[in-house]
Protein backbone atom coordinates (compact mmCIF):
# COMPACT_ATOMS: atom_id res chain seq x y z
CA MET A 1 -18.19 11.63 0.67
CA ARG A 2 -19.98 8.28 0.66
CA LEU A 3 -18.96 5.46 2.99
CA GLY A 4 -17.21 3.54 0.21
CA GLY A 5 -15.12 6.58 -0.65
CA VAL A 6 -14.21 7.15 3.00
CA LEU A 7 -13.09 3.54 3.41
CA ARG A 8 -11.01 3.71 0.24
CA CYS A 9 -9.40 6.95 1.47
CA ARG A 10 -8.52 5.37 4.82
CA SER A 11 -7.07 2.36 3.05
CA VAL A 12 -4.83 4.58 0.90
CA ILE A 13 -3.61 6.47 3.99
CA LYS A 14 -2.76 3.21 5.78
CA GLN A 15 -0.89 1.83 2.79
CA GLN A 16 1.28 4.94 2.30
CA TYR A 17 3.88 3.51 4.71
CA VAL A 18 4.08 0.09 3.03
CA PRO A 19 7.16 -0.21 0.74
CA GLN A 20 6.79 -1.21 -2.87
CA HIS A 21 6.45 -4.96 -3.18
CA LYS A 22 5.57 -7.73 -5.59
CA PRO A 23 2.49 -9.96 -5.30
CA VAL A 24 3.02 -13.07 -3.23
CA LEU A 25 3.27 -16.39 -5.04
CA ASN A 26 0.81 -19.16 -4.19
CA ASP A 27 3.73 -21.57 -3.94
CA ASP A 28 5.25 -19.40 -1.21
CA ILE A 29 2.01 -19.44 0.76
CA LYS A 30 1.91 -23.22 0.43
CA ARG A 31 5.53 -23.56 1.56
CA LEU A 32 4.93 -21.46 4.66
CA GLU A 33 1.73 -23.32 5.47
CA GLU A 34 3.54 -26.65 5.30
CA PHE A 35 6.31 -25.22 7.49
CA LEU A 36 3.80 -24.20 10.17
CA LEU A 37 1.77 -27.40 9.96
CA SER A 38 4.89 -29.45 10.68
CA ARG A 39 5.87 -27.22 13.61
CA PRO A 40 2.84 -26.39 15.78
CA ASN A 41 4.99 -24.92 18.57
CA ILE A 42 6.53 -22.17 16.47
CA LEU A 43 7.64 -18.89 18.04
CA VAL A 44 6.75 -15.72 16.11
CA LEU A 45 8.90 -12.57 16.05
CA THR A 46 7.23 -9.46 14.61
CA GLY A 47 8.65 -6.10 13.62
CA ALA A 48 7.52 -2.70 12.38
CA GLY A 49 6.74 -4.12 8.94
CA ILE A 50 3.49 -5.64 10.18
CA SER A 51 2.24 -2.36 11.62
CA THR A 52 2.87 -0.26 8.51
CA GLU A 53 -0.36 -1.73 7.13
CA SER A 54 -2.18 -0.14 10.07
CA GLY A 55 -0.71 3.27 9.26
CA ILE A 56 2.28 3.29 11.62
CA PRO A 57 5.49 4.06 9.70
CA ASP A 58 8.70 2.16 10.31
CA TYR A 59 12.16 3.72 10.35
CA ARG A 60 14.09 2.18 7.49
CA SER A 61 11.82 1.24 4.56
CA ALA A 62 13.00 2.80 1.31
CA GLY A 63 10.96 5.85 0.33
CA VAL A 64 8.28 5.49 3.02
CA GLY A 65 10.09 5.00 6.35
CA LEU A 66 10.65 7.85 8.80
CA TYR A 67 14.33 8.10 7.83
CA ALA A 68 13.37 8.60 4.19
CA ARG A 69 10.40 10.96 4.65
CA THR A 70 11.40 13.22 7.53
CA ASN A 71 14.33 14.43 9.59
CA HIS A 72 12.90 12.55 12.56
CA LYS A 73 15.48 10.47 14.40
CA PRO A 74 14.75 8.01 17.19
CA ILE A 75 15.26 9.18 20.73
CA GLN A 76 18.54 8.12 22.32
CA HIS A 77 18.34 6.77 25.86
CA SER A 78 21.39 8.73 27.07
CA GLU A 79 20.04 12.02 25.66
CA PHE A 80 16.68 11.51 27.36
CA LEU A 81 18.39 10.91 30.70
CA LYS A 82 20.74 13.89 30.50
CA SER A 83 18.75 16.67 28.86
CA ASP A 84 15.66 18.47 30.10
CA ALA A 85 15.27 20.00 26.62
CA VAL A 86 15.31 16.55 24.99
CA ARG A 87 12.67 15.29 27.44
CA LYS A 88 10.47 18.31 26.70
CA ARG A 89 10.81 17.79 22.94
CA TYR A 90 10.06 14.10 23.25
CA TRP A 91 6.99 14.48 25.45
CA ALA A 92 5.61 17.40 23.40
CA ARG A 93 5.78 15.32 20.20
CA ASN A 94 4.43 12.27 22.01
CA PHE A 95 1.57 14.30 23.47
CA VAL A 96 0.52 15.64 20.07
CA GLY A 97 0.81 12.27 18.34
CA TRP A 98 -0.74 10.11 21.07
CA PRO A 99 -4.43 10.39 20.05
CA ASN A 100 -3.68 9.13 16.53
CA PHE A 101 -1.18 6.51 17.67
CA SER A 102 -3.43 5.07 20.38
CA ALA A 103 -6.43 4.98 18.02
CA THR A 104 -4.57 2.80 15.50
CA GLN A 105 -6.27 -0.55 14.91
CA PRO A 106 -4.83 -4.01 14.11
CA ASN A 107 -4.70 -5.24 10.55
CA ALA A 108 -5.18 -8.64 8.92
CA THR A 109 -1.76 -9.90 10.02
CA HIS A 110 -2.43 -9.16 13.70
CA TYR A 111 -5.81 -10.88 13.51
CA ALA A 112 -4.34 -13.88 11.69
CA LEU A 113 -1.75 -14.39 14.44
CA ALA A 114 -4.46 -14.15 17.11
CA ARG A 115 -6.38 -16.83 15.21
CA PHE A 116 -3.30 -19.03 14.94
CA GLU A 117 -2.84 -18.79 18.70
CA ARG A 118 -6.47 -19.84 19.32
CA GLU A 119 -6.02 -22.75 16.93
CA LEU A 120 -2.80 -23.79 18.76
CA ARG A 121 -0.68 -23.28 15.64
CA ILE A 122 1.87 -21.01 17.34
CA GLN A 123 3.45 -20.90 20.79
CA ALA A 124 3.66 -17.14 21.36
CA VAL A 125 4.46 -13.78 19.79
CA VAL A 126 7.58 -11.77 20.59
CA THR A 127 7.15 -8.29 19.15
CA GLN A 128 9.65 -5.50 18.60
CA ASN A 129 6.72 -3.07 18.34
CA VAL A 130 5.43 -0.87 21.15
CA ASP A 131 1.95 -0.27 19.68
CA ARG A 132 -0.05 -2.97 21.51
CA LEU A 133 -1.75 -3.98 18.24
CA HIS A 134 -1.26 -7.68 18.97
CA SER A 135 -3.17 -7.27 22.24
CA LYS A 136 -5.91 -5.30 20.50
CA ALA A 137 -6.26 -8.15 17.99
CA GLY A 138 -6.69 -10.71 20.76
CA THR A 139 -3.32 -12.44 21.05
CA LYS A 140 -2.73 -13.47 24.66
CA ASN A 141 0.82 -14.82 24.94
CA ILE A 142 2.94 -11.80 23.99
CA VAL A 143 6.38 -10.59 24.99
CA GLU A 144 6.97 -6.93 24.15
CA LEU A 145 10.71 -7.01 23.49
CA HIS A 146 11.12 -3.23 23.48
CA GLY A 147 8.38 -2.44 25.98
CA SER A 148 5.15 -0.56 25.39
CA GLY A 149 4.12 3.00 24.63
CA TYR A 150 1.00 2.46 26.71
CA VAL A 151 2.75 2.65 30.09
CA VAL A 152 4.77 5.49 31.68
CA LYS A 153 7.24 4.72 34.46
CA CYS A 154 9.53 6.59 36.83
CA LEU A 155 13.25 6.31 36.21
CA ASP A 156 14.02 6.32 39.93
CA CYS A 157 11.29 4.27 41.66
CA ASP A 158 8.54 1.75 40.96
CA TYR A 159 5.84 4.30 40.03
CA ARG A 160 3.85 3.47 36.88
CA ILE A 161 0.85 5.07 35.20
CA GLU A 162 -1.22 4.20 32.13
CA ARG A 163 -0.41 6.38 29.14
CA HIS A 164 -4.06 7.40 28.63
CA GLU A 165 -4.21 8.72 32.18
CA PHE A 166 -0.88 10.46 31.71
CA GLN A 167 -2.30 12.17 28.61
CA ASN A 168 -5.02 13.73 30.77
CA ILE A 169 -2.38 15.10 33.15
CA LEU A 170 -0.36 16.56 30.27
CA THR A 171 -3.51 18.12 28.82
CA SER A 172 -4.33 19.87 32.11
CA MET A 173 -0.76 21.17 32.41
CA ASN A 174 -0.49 22.42 28.82
CA PRO A 175 -3.69 24.29 27.87
CA ALA A 176 -1.84 26.11 25.06
CA PHE A 177 -1.75 22.79 23.20
CA SER A 178 -5.50 22.91 22.58
CA ASP A 179 -4.63 23.31 18.88
CA ALA A 180 -2.40 20.21 18.96
CA PRO A 181 -4.24 18.37 16.12
CA ASP A 182 -3.18 21.17 13.75
CA MET A 183 0.45 20.26 14.47
CA ILE A 184 0.11 16.88 12.76
CA ARG A 185 1.34 17.04 9.17
CA PRO A 186 -0.36 15.22 6.28
CA ASP A 187 2.41 12.60 6.35
CA GLY A 188 1.63 11.84 10.00
CA ASP A 189 4.72 13.52 11.43
CA VAL A 190 4.46 16.23 14.08
CA GLU A 191 5.50 19.84 13.55
CA ILE A 192 5.63 21.81 16.83
CA PRO A 193 6.76 25.45 17.08
CA ALA A 194 9.88 25.89 19.19
CA GLU A 195 8.15 28.17 21.71
CA TYR A 196 5.56 25.46 22.40
CA ILE A 197 8.28 22.94 23.18
CA GLU A 198 10.16 25.38 25.41
CA ASN A 199 7.00 26.02 27.44
CA PHE A 200 5.81 22.42 27.56
CA LYS A 201 5.30 21.21 31.12
CA ILE A 202 6.01 17.65 32.25
CA PRO A 203 5.01 16.34 35.67
CA THR A 204 7.58 14.65 37.87
CA CYS A 205 6.98 11.39 39.67
CA PRO A 206 4.41 11.90 42.47
CA GLN A 207 6.28 9.39 44.65
CA CYS A 208 9.90 10.53 44.40
CA ASP A 209 9.96 13.62 42.14
CA GLY A 210 11.97 11.68 39.53
CA ASN A 211 11.71 11.93 35.74
CA LEU A 212 9.02 9.99 33.89
CA LYS A 213 9.64 7.96 30.73
CA PRO A 214 7.52 5.67 28.55
CA GLU A 215 8.15 2.01 29.23
CA ILE A 216 10.02 1.73 25.92
CA VAL A 217 13.57 0.54 25.36
CA PHE A 218 15.04 3.58 23.63
CA PHE A 219 18.01 3.30 21.28
CA GLY A 220 21.17 2.78 23.33
CA ASP A 221 19.29 1.25 26.25
CA CYS A 222 19.29 -2.46 27.15
CA VAL A 223 16.41 -4.91 27.09
CA PRO A 224 15.79 -6.07 30.68
CA ARG A 225 17.65 -9.29 31.51
CA GLU A 226 14.55 -11.09 32.75
CA ARG A 227 12.80 -10.40 29.43
CA LEU A 228 15.73 -11.82 27.48
CA ASP A 229 15.79 -14.90 29.70
CA ALA A 230 12.06 -15.45 29.20
CA ILE A 231 12.49 -15.27 25.42
CA ALA A 232 15.45 -17.65 25.52
CA LYS A 233 13.28 -20.22 27.34
CA MET A 234 10.55 -19.79 24.73
CA ILE A 235 13.05 -20.42 21.95
CA TYR A 236 14.36 -23.52 23.73
CA THR A 237 10.87 -25.00 24.02
CA SER A 238 9.85 -24.07 20.47
CA ASP A 239 10.28 -26.04 17.27
CA GLY A 240 11.29 -23.07 15.13
CA LEU A 241 10.93 -19.35 14.48
CA LEU A 242 8.76 -17.30 12.14
CA VAL A 243 9.93 -13.71 11.56
CA LEU A 244 7.35 -11.26 10.22
CA GLY A 245 7.97 -7.72 9.01
CA SER A 246 11.43 -7.12 10.46
CA SER A 247 14.71 -6.25 8.78
CA LEU A 248 16.43 -7.62 11.91
CA LEU A 249 18.96 -4.79 11.81
CA VAL A 250 18.42 -4.15 15.51
CA PHE A 251 20.49 -6.74 17.37
CA SER A 252 17.84 -7.56 19.98
CA GLY A 253 15.74 -9.07 17.19
CA TYR A 254 18.64 -10.61 15.27
CA ARG A 255 19.85 -12.30 18.45
CA ILE A 256 16.59 -14.31 18.56
CA VAL A 257 17.38 -15.71 15.11
CA LEU A 258 20.94 -16.57 16.20
CA GLN A 259 19.67 -18.33 19.32
CA THR A 260 17.21 -20.32 17.23
CA LYS A 261 19.88 -21.43 14.78
CA ASP A 262 22.26 -22.32 17.63
CA LEU A 263 19.65 -24.90 18.65
CA LYS A 264 19.56 -26.12 15.03
CA LEU A 265 15.93 -25.08 14.70
CA PRO A 266 14.49 -23.78 11.40
CA VAL A 267 13.72 -20.13 10.65
CA ALA A 268 11.19 -18.74 8.19
CA ILE A 269 11.09 -15.02 7.29
CA VAL A 270 8.36 -12.98 5.61
CA ASN A 271 9.47 -9.42 4.91
CA ILE A 272 9.46 -6.94 2.07
CA GLY A 273 13.09 -6.73 0.96
CA GLU A 274 16.27 -8.09 2.48
CA THR A 275 16.91 -8.80 6.15
CA ARG A 276 20.04 -9.22 8.21
CA ALA A 277 19.29 -12.94 8.59
CA ASP A 278 18.43 -13.96 5.03
CA HIS A 279 21.52 -16.18 4.93
CA LEU A 280 20.21 -18.07 7.97
CA ALA A 281 16.63 -18.53 6.78
CA ASP A 282 15.30 -21.94 5.79
CA ILE A 283 12.41 -20.14 4.09
CA LYS A 284 12.48 -16.51 2.94
CA ILE A 285 9.42 -14.90 1.37
CA SER A 286 9.81 -11.34 0.13
CA ALA A 287 6.23 -10.13 0.40
CA LYS A 288 3.82 -8.04 2.42
CA CYS A 289 2.76 -9.93 5.54
CA GLY A 290 -0.86 -8.98 4.98
CA ASP A 291 -0.76 -10.76 1.63
CA VAL A 292 0.50 -13.97 3.22
CA LEU A 293 -0.67 -14.63 6.80
CA PRO A 294 -4.45 -14.24 6.30
CA LYS A 295 -4.36 -16.75 3.44
CA LEU A 296 -2.84 -19.58 5.45
CA PHE A 297 -4.85 -22.69 6.40
CA ASP A 298 -7.57 -22.00 3.82
CA TYR A 299 -9.25 -19.47 6.08
CA ARG A 300 -12.39 -17.71 4.89
CA PRO A 301 -13.75 -14.96 7.15
CA THR A 302 -17.47 -15.02 7.80
CA THR A 303 -19.55 -12.18 6.37
């Protein structure tokens, strides 16, 4: 296959997780640009909808989200704490999927936000995503609301290890998973035989022998208080909020909108389909973020 065909194929694969959407209107781009120009200290909140264009599926999008395509359900914090079997299943799936997940690259929206930060058009990015794509794109001032998949921590002490290094440890402990790439389905989900999961070995903490967990806020867990306080201060010193690619159904994200409106600050939302905060938005654009953000401020990339 020629290079052009390969690039087109990769583009199709990345776009398979983007919900159906209409083309963005030029008037909407102009409205959002004027909104940002008048508020150079805007805070940005991003959700899974900006990473779907990089090939990472979200949970809830109609027809293409994980809930619609597979029987995969998000891990519950309480189940992870209580059940050795749940921890084995989680880490086995995570182990198989990690090479693809960690190799994912930012898309035009991530790069646009990094540019806006350099040009002093935004204050910071608060992201609900755990994929580190904002960092890969070059954004510096980031708060990872739900943590990061790139760090593993002990549940009982202060031990931490980088996820790439942890992958090497898992590889050495589970030689039977040498055929792990074959367990990734064409839709990107992971299919692991039950006997593999039952025999999957997970190291304990080398400091205290406790259980290890990714530094991610699982469903049912709480965002650390200091992180919430830091975000509240950022909202207070901002002049508005821009929400990108989030349905805001998770309260930790919706709360940021409520805090912004409590301060009588404006909110703009760009998202395919409805969100929980549409009734609070001063501007709502139902479009793909990648069709909007890169076109702001008359930007033309160099060739």
